[in-house]
């Protein structure tokens, strides 16, 4: 199958570039190659590329900056995915798009399912929700994967920040009232690749009856405070840590331009039941990531 990948340099995109290699030729691009805010150029590029599968791992992810740059956030997170989905429909191509747990307000208090009503608290979340809606409205064979707290050992993530903080400070104060489902980018890419492998050489036919929105994240729920404790305990270079204690804090002690959902863990049962693929516990994948 011919694959067109957007966001090749991001945490997820860089992992997808590796995990997709065995499936067929990949055309991978990033913002330096193509302006996703230019809808006409984007559509022409997709049509000319004639892929069987389009994967959108690109996004505007600066949650706080989005509050002052809503136009750019919506252009990248909403309008561009909608255009990709329409172009995919014109080509009878499968479209896979990644969304976020931030489409929810965090008030439920238990893991969110796909049937729960979204209610984003910030511009980033609203732009991602509109992106989901435009993708599904396009009417093609599309899959939207909502994920949560994506991390890797490269790029800018809570994991890399935590490791850096532990090497700079003796005391860390980490919020304990934010709960999510940490997701290793390599695991997310691997599951996506395994899913496409099941489609063999007929992805459009395989996914036509399985299209829709799915939750795909590390299994389970954990606070940022406890996640930090686990990260530092598993750090393969613990001798470099200066940190001697981790203290719990509350989100309201660290004011930010954008509000965050306090409980945004995701229930991935629908994905597992539909595709027969196992979702690993967040603790297991974190241990693998830090080997």
Protein backbone atom coordinates (compact mmCIF):
# COMPACT_ATOMS: atom_id res chain seq x y z
CA UNK A 1 0.00 0.00 0.00
CA UNK A 2 1.13 3.56 -0.73
CA UNK A 3 1.19 5.69 2.42
CA UNK A 4 1.22 9.48 2.74
CA UNK A 5 2.31 10.64 6.19
CA UNK A 6 1.93 14.18 7.52
CA UNK A 7 4.01 15.26 10.53
CA UNK A 8 7.11 13.15 9.93
CA UNK A 9 9.29 15.08 12.41
CA UNK A 10 6.97 14.99 15.40
CA UNK A 11 7.10 12.51 18.28
CA UNK A 12 4.54 10.24 16.68
CA UNK A 13 5.45 10.95 13.05
CA UNK A 14 9.10 10.02 13.48
CA UNK A 15 8.06 6.69 15.04
CA UNK A 16 5.55 6.07 12.26
CA UNK A 17 8.27 6.60 9.66
CA UNK A 18 10.07 3.58 11.11
CA UNK A 19 7.13 1.31 11.94
CA UNK A 20 5.41 1.72 8.56
CA UNK A 21 8.43 0.76 6.45
CA UNK A 22 7.40 -2.86 5.97
CA UNK A 23 3.96 -1.95 4.63
CA UNK A 24 4.97 -0.25 1.40
CA UNK A 25 6.35 3.01 -0.01
CA UNK A 26 5.98 6.01 2.29
CA UNK A 27 5.88 9.66 1.32
CA UNK A 28 6.49 11.54 4.56
CA UNK A 29 6.30 15.33 4.84
CA UNK A 30 6.32 18.00 7.52
CA UNK A 31 5.60 21.71 7.87
CA UNK A 32 8.87 22.61 6.17
CA UNK A 33 7.78 20.66 3.10
CA UNK A 34 4.17 21.79 2.86
CA UNK A 35 2.06 24.57 4.39
CA UNK A 36 -0.96 22.79 5.87
CA UNK A 37 -2.75 26.11 6.18
CA UNK A 38 -2.77 26.43 2.37
CA UNK A 39 -5.84 24.31 1.57
CA UNK A 40 -5.51 24.45 -2.22
CA UNK A 41 -1.87 23.36 -2.21
CA UNK A 42 -2.64 20.68 0.36
CA UNK A 43 -5.43 19.18 -1.72
CA UNK A 44 -3.35 19.22 -4.93
CA UNK A 45 -0.43 17.59 -3.14
CA UNK A 46 -2.63 14.77 -1.85
CA UNK A 47 -4.34 14.15 -5.19
CA UNK A 48 -1.01 14.15 -7.04
CA UNK A 49 0.48 11.71 -4.51
CA UNK A 50 -2.40 9.23 -5.03
CA UNK A 51 -1.92 7.30 -1.76
CA UNK A 52 -3.92 4.31 -0.54
CA UNK A 53 -3.62 5.51 3.06
CA UNK A 54 -3.21 9.01 4.46
CA UNK A 55 -2.01 9.37 8.06
CA UNK A 56 -2.15 12.74 9.76
CA UNK A 57 0.24 12.89 12.71
CA UNK A 58 0.67 16.66 12.39
CA UNK A 59 -0.94 19.09 14.82
CA UNK A 60 -0.67 22.47 16.45
CA UNK A 61 0.13 21.28 19.99
CA UNK A 62 1.17 24.49 21.78
CA UNK A 63 -1.79 24.38 24.17
CA UNK A 64 -1.15 27.69 25.91
CA UNK A 65 -0.02 29.59 22.82
CA UNK A 66 -3.17 28.51 21.01
CA UNK A 67 -5.14 30.86 23.25
CA UNK A 68 -3.47 33.80 21.49
CA UNK A 69 -3.16 32.09 18.07
CA UNK A 70 -6.61 30.55 17.54
CA UNK A 71 -6.56 31.15 13.79
CA UNK A 72 -3.40 29.09 13.29
CA UNK A 73 -4.58 26.39 15.70
CA UNK A 74 -7.85 25.97 13.79
CA UNK A 75 -6.08 26.04 10.41
CA UNK A 76 -3.78 23.16 11.38
CA UNK A 77 -6.02 21.18 13.74
CA UNK A 78 -9.40 21.57 12.05
CA UNK A 79 -9.40 22.90 8.49
CA UNK A 80 -6.37 20.90 7.29
CA UNK A 81 -7.63 17.50 8.55
CA UNK A 82 -11.02 18.23 7.01
CA UNK A 83 -9.36 18.90 3.66
CA UNK A 84 -7.25 15.74 3.99
CA UNK A 85 -10.36 13.67 4.68
CA UNK A 86 -12.20 15.08 1.67
CA UNK A 87 -9.22 14.44 -0.59
CA UNK A 88 -8.93 10.91 0.78
CA UNK A 89 -12.59 10.37 -0.08
CA UNK A 90 -11.98 11.52 -3.65
CA UNK A 91 -9.20 8.94 -3.94
CA UNK A 92 -11.00 6.10 -2.12
CA UNK A 93 -8.10 6.22 0.33
CA UNK A 94 -8.21 5.47 4.04
CA UNK A 95 -7.63 8.48 6.29
CA UNK A 96 -6.19 8.07 9.81
CA UNK A 97 -6.20 11.14 12.03
CA UNK A 98 -4.95 11.54 15.60
CA UNK A 99 -6.91 13.62 18.08
CA UNK A 100 -6.70 14.23 21.82
CA UNK A 101 -8.17 13.62 25.26
CA UNK A 102 -8.42 17.41 25.54
CA UNK A 103 -11.75 17.31 23.70
CA UNK A 104 -13.20 16.44 27.15
CA UNK A 105 -13.64 18.74 30.15
CA UNK A 106 -12.29 16.25 32.71
CA UNK A 107 -15.37 16.39 34.93
CA UNK A 108 -16.50 12.76 34.49
CA UNK A 109 -14.09 11.31 37.04
CA UNK A 110 -13.65 7.99 35.21
CA UNK A 111 -12.12 6.99 31.85
CA UNK A 112 -13.93 8.51 28.88
CA UNK A 113 -15.52 6.35 26.20
CA UNK A 114 -16.30 7.36 22.64
CA UNK A 115 -19.96 7.81 23.62
CA UNK A 116 -19.19 10.56 26.15
CA UNK A 117 -20.03 14.11 25.09
CA UNK A 118 -16.97 16.26 24.30
CA UNK A 119 -16.70 19.63 26.02
CA UNK A 120 -13.21 21.10 25.51
CA UNK A 121 -11.92 23.74 27.91
CA UNK A 122 -9.42 25.53 25.66
CA UNK A 123 -8.75 26.63 22.09
CA UNK A 124 -6.50 23.65 21.42
CA UNK A 125 -9.20 21.20 22.47
CA UNK A 126 -11.91 23.03 20.53
CA UNK A 127 -9.76 23.11 17.39
CA UNK A 128 -9.07 19.38 17.67
CA UNK A 129 -12.76 18.64 18.22
CA UNK A 130 -13.70 20.64 15.14
CA UNK A 131 -11.06 18.67 13.25
CA UNK A 132 -12.71 15.41 14.30
CA UNK A 133 -16.10 16.71 13.20
CA UNK A 134 -14.86 17.86 9.81
CA UNK A 135 -13.10 14.55 9.22
CA UNK A 136 -16.22 12.54 9.99
CA UNK A 137 -18.44 14.97 8.04
CA UNK A 138 -16.32 14.36 4.93
CA UNK A 139 -17.99 10.96 4.72
CA UNK A 140 -15.02 8.87 3.59
CA UNK A 141 -13.35 5.89 5.19
CA UNK A 142 -11.75 7.65 8.13
CA UNK A 143 -10.51 6.63 11.56
CA UNK A 144 -9.97 9.18 14.30
CA UNK A 145 -7.75 8.00 17.15
CA UNK A 146 -8.01 10.05 20.32
CA UNK A 147 -4.88 9.63 22.38
CA UNK A 148 -3.53 11.02 25.65
CA UNK A 149 -0.30 12.39 27.11
CA UNK A 150 1.93 11.26 24.23
CA UNK A 151 5.61 11.07 25.12
CA UNK A 152 8.95 9.87 23.78
CA UNK A 153 12.62 10.31 24.63
CA UNK A 154 12.98 12.82 21.83
CA UNK A 155 11.16 16.06 21.32
CA UNK A 156 9.31 18.12 23.89
CA UNK A 157 7.12 16.00 26.17
CA UNK A 158 6.29 15.75 29.85
CA UNK A 159 8.68 12.80 30.06
CA UNK A 160 11.69 14.70 28.71
CA UNK A 161 10.83 17.73 30.85
CA UNK A 162 10.60 15.54 33.95
CA UNK A 163 14.00 13.97 33.32
CA UNK A 164 15.52 17.41 32.76
CA UNK A 165 13.93 18.86 35.91
CA UNK A 166 15.26 15.95 37.98
CA UNK A 167 18.79 16.79 36.83
CA UNK A 168 18.41 20.48 37.64
CA UNK A 169 16.50 20.62 40.94
CA UNK A 170 16.60 18.89 44.31
CA UNK A 171 12.86 19.32 44.83
CA UNK A 172 10.11 18.91 42.25
CA UNK A 173 6.52 20.04 42.70
CA UNK A 174 4.23 18.10 40.39
CA UNK A 175 0.45 18.37 40.07
CA UNK A 176 -1.44 15.39 41.49
CA UNK A 177 -4.94 16.44 40.38
CA UNK A 178 -4.33 15.93 36.63
CA UNK A 179 -5.00 12.33 35.60
CA UNK A 180 -4.55 10.84 32.13
CA UNK A 181 -3.38 7.82 30.14
CA UNK A 182 0.32 8.23 29.23
CA UNK A 183 1.02 6.95 25.73
CA UNK A 184 4.46 6.06 24.38
CA UNK A 185 4.76 7.35 20.81
CA UNK A 186 6.51 4.17 19.69
CA UNK A 187 3.68 2.02 21.04
CA UNK A 188 1.10 4.24 19.33
CA UNK A 189 2.96 3.99 16.02
CA UNK A 190 3.39 0.24 16.39
CA UNK A 191 -0.31 -0.36 17.01
CA UNK A 192 -1.19 1.82 14.02
CA UNK A 193 1.18 -0.15 11.81
CA UNK A 194 -0.14 -3.48 13.09
CA UNK A 195 -3.65 -2.31 12.34
CA UNK A 196 -2.76 -1.40 8.77
CA UNK A 197 -0.98 -4.73 8.34
CA UNK A 198 -4.30 -6.45 9.06
CA UNK A 199 -5.78 -4.70 6.07
CA UNK A 200 -3.15 -6.37 3.88
CA UNK A 201 -3.42 -4.91 0.35
CA UNK A 202 -7.03 -3.76 0.64
CA UNK A 203 -7.14 -1.06 3.34
CA UNK A 204 -10.20 0.71 1.92
CA UNK A 205 -12.29 -2.47 1.94
CA UNK A 206 -11.05 -3.54 5.39
CA UNK A 207 -11.74 -0.22 7.13
CA UNK A 208 -14.97 0.70 5.32
CA UNK A 209 -17.04 -1.16 7.92
CA UNK A 210 -14.82 -0.11 10.84
CA UNK A 211 -14.52 3.64 10.31
CA UNK A 212 -15.23 6.02 13.16
CA UNK A 213 -13.76 7.49 16.34
CA UNK A 214 -11.70 5.32 18.68
CA UNK A 215 -9.72 5.89 21.85
CA UNK A 216 -6.13 4.67 21.56
CA UNK A 217 -3.82 5.38 24.49
CA UNK A 218 -1.87 3.63 27.21
CA UNK A 219 -4.21 1.47 29.27
CA UNK A 220 -5.05 2.74 32.73
CA UNK A 221 -4.99 6.10 34.47
CA UNK A 222 -2.36 7.87 36.51
CA UNK A 223 -1.72 11.35 37.93
CA UNK A 224 1.18 13.43 36.70
CA UNK A 225 2.61 13.19 40.22
CA UNK A 226 2.64 9.38 40.23
CA UNK A 227 3.82 9.28 36.61
CA UNK A 228 6.79 11.44 37.61
CA UNK A 229 7.63 9.06 40.47
CA UNK A 230 7.61 6.14 38.06
CA UNK A 231 9.73 7.98 35.48
CA UNK A 232 12.44 8.86 38.00
CA UNK A 233 12.43 5.34 39.46
CA UNK A 234 12.91 3.82 36.00
CA UNK A 235 15.42 6.41 34.76
CA UNK A 236 18.41 4.42 33.43
CA UNK A 237 20.69 7.32 34.39
CA UNK A 238 19.47 7.80 37.95
CA UNK A 239 22.94 8.73 39.16
CA UNK A 240 22.60 12.01 37.23
CA UNK A 241 19.50 13.03 39.17
CA UNK A 242 19.77 15.86 41.68
CA UNK A 243 16.17 15.43 42.77
CA UNK A 244 15.76 14.27 46.36
CA UNK A 245 12.00 14.73 46.82
CA UNK A 246 8.82 15.10 44.78
CA UNK A 247 6.04 17.11 46.35
CA UNK A 248 2.38 17.03 45.29
CA UNK A 249 0.79 20.24 44.04
CA UNK A 250 -2.52 21.38 42.60
CA UNK A 251 -3.12 22.66 39.09
CA UNK A 252 -4.40 26.02 40.34
CA UNK A 253 -0.97 26.65 41.89
CA UNK A 254 0.46 26.91 38.35
CA UNK A 255 -1.78 29.32 36.40
CA UNK A 256 -1.60 28.92 32.61
CA UNK A 257 -3.39 30.70 29.74
CA UNK A 258 -5.25 27.50 28.82
CA UNK A 259 -7.31 25.41 31.22
CA UNK A 260 -6.54 21.68 31.34
CA UNK A 261 -9.03 18.86 31.96
CA UNK A 262 -8.25 17.33 35.36
CA UNK A 263 -9.33 13.78 34.50
CA UNK A 264 -8.91 12.82 30.86
CA UNK A 265 -8.01 9.12 30.94
CA UNK A 266 -9.39 7.16 28.00
CA UNK A 267 -11.19 3.82 27.83
CA UNK A 268 -9.82 1.94 24.80
CA UNK A 269 -12.16 -1.08 24.94
CA UNK A 270 -13.89 -0.24 21.67
CA UNK A 271 -10.60 -0.27 19.79
CA UNK A 272 -9.54 -3.60 21.33
CA UNK A 273 -12.91 -5.22 20.69
CA UNK A 274 -13.18 -3.95 17.11
CA UNK A 275 -9.68 -4.75 15.90
CA UNK A 276 -8.58 -7.54 18.26
CA UNK A 277 -5.37 -5.73 19.14
CA UNK A 278 -4.11 -5.61 22.73
CA UNK A 279 -3.53 -2.23 24.40
CA UNK A 280 -0.59 -2.35 26.81
CA UNK A 281 -0.71 -0.85 30.29
CA UNK A 282 0.99 2.54 30.58
CA UNK A 283 3.42 1.16 33.19
CA UNK A 284 4.62 -1.57 30.84
CA UNK A 285 5.28 0.78 27.95
CA UNK A 286 6.98 3.34 30.19
CA UNK A 287 9.38 0.64 31.39
CA UNK A 288 10.14 -0.29 27.78
CA UNK A 289 10.63 3.35 26.80
CA UNK A 290 13.21 3.89 29.54
CA UNK A 291 15.27 0.74 28.99
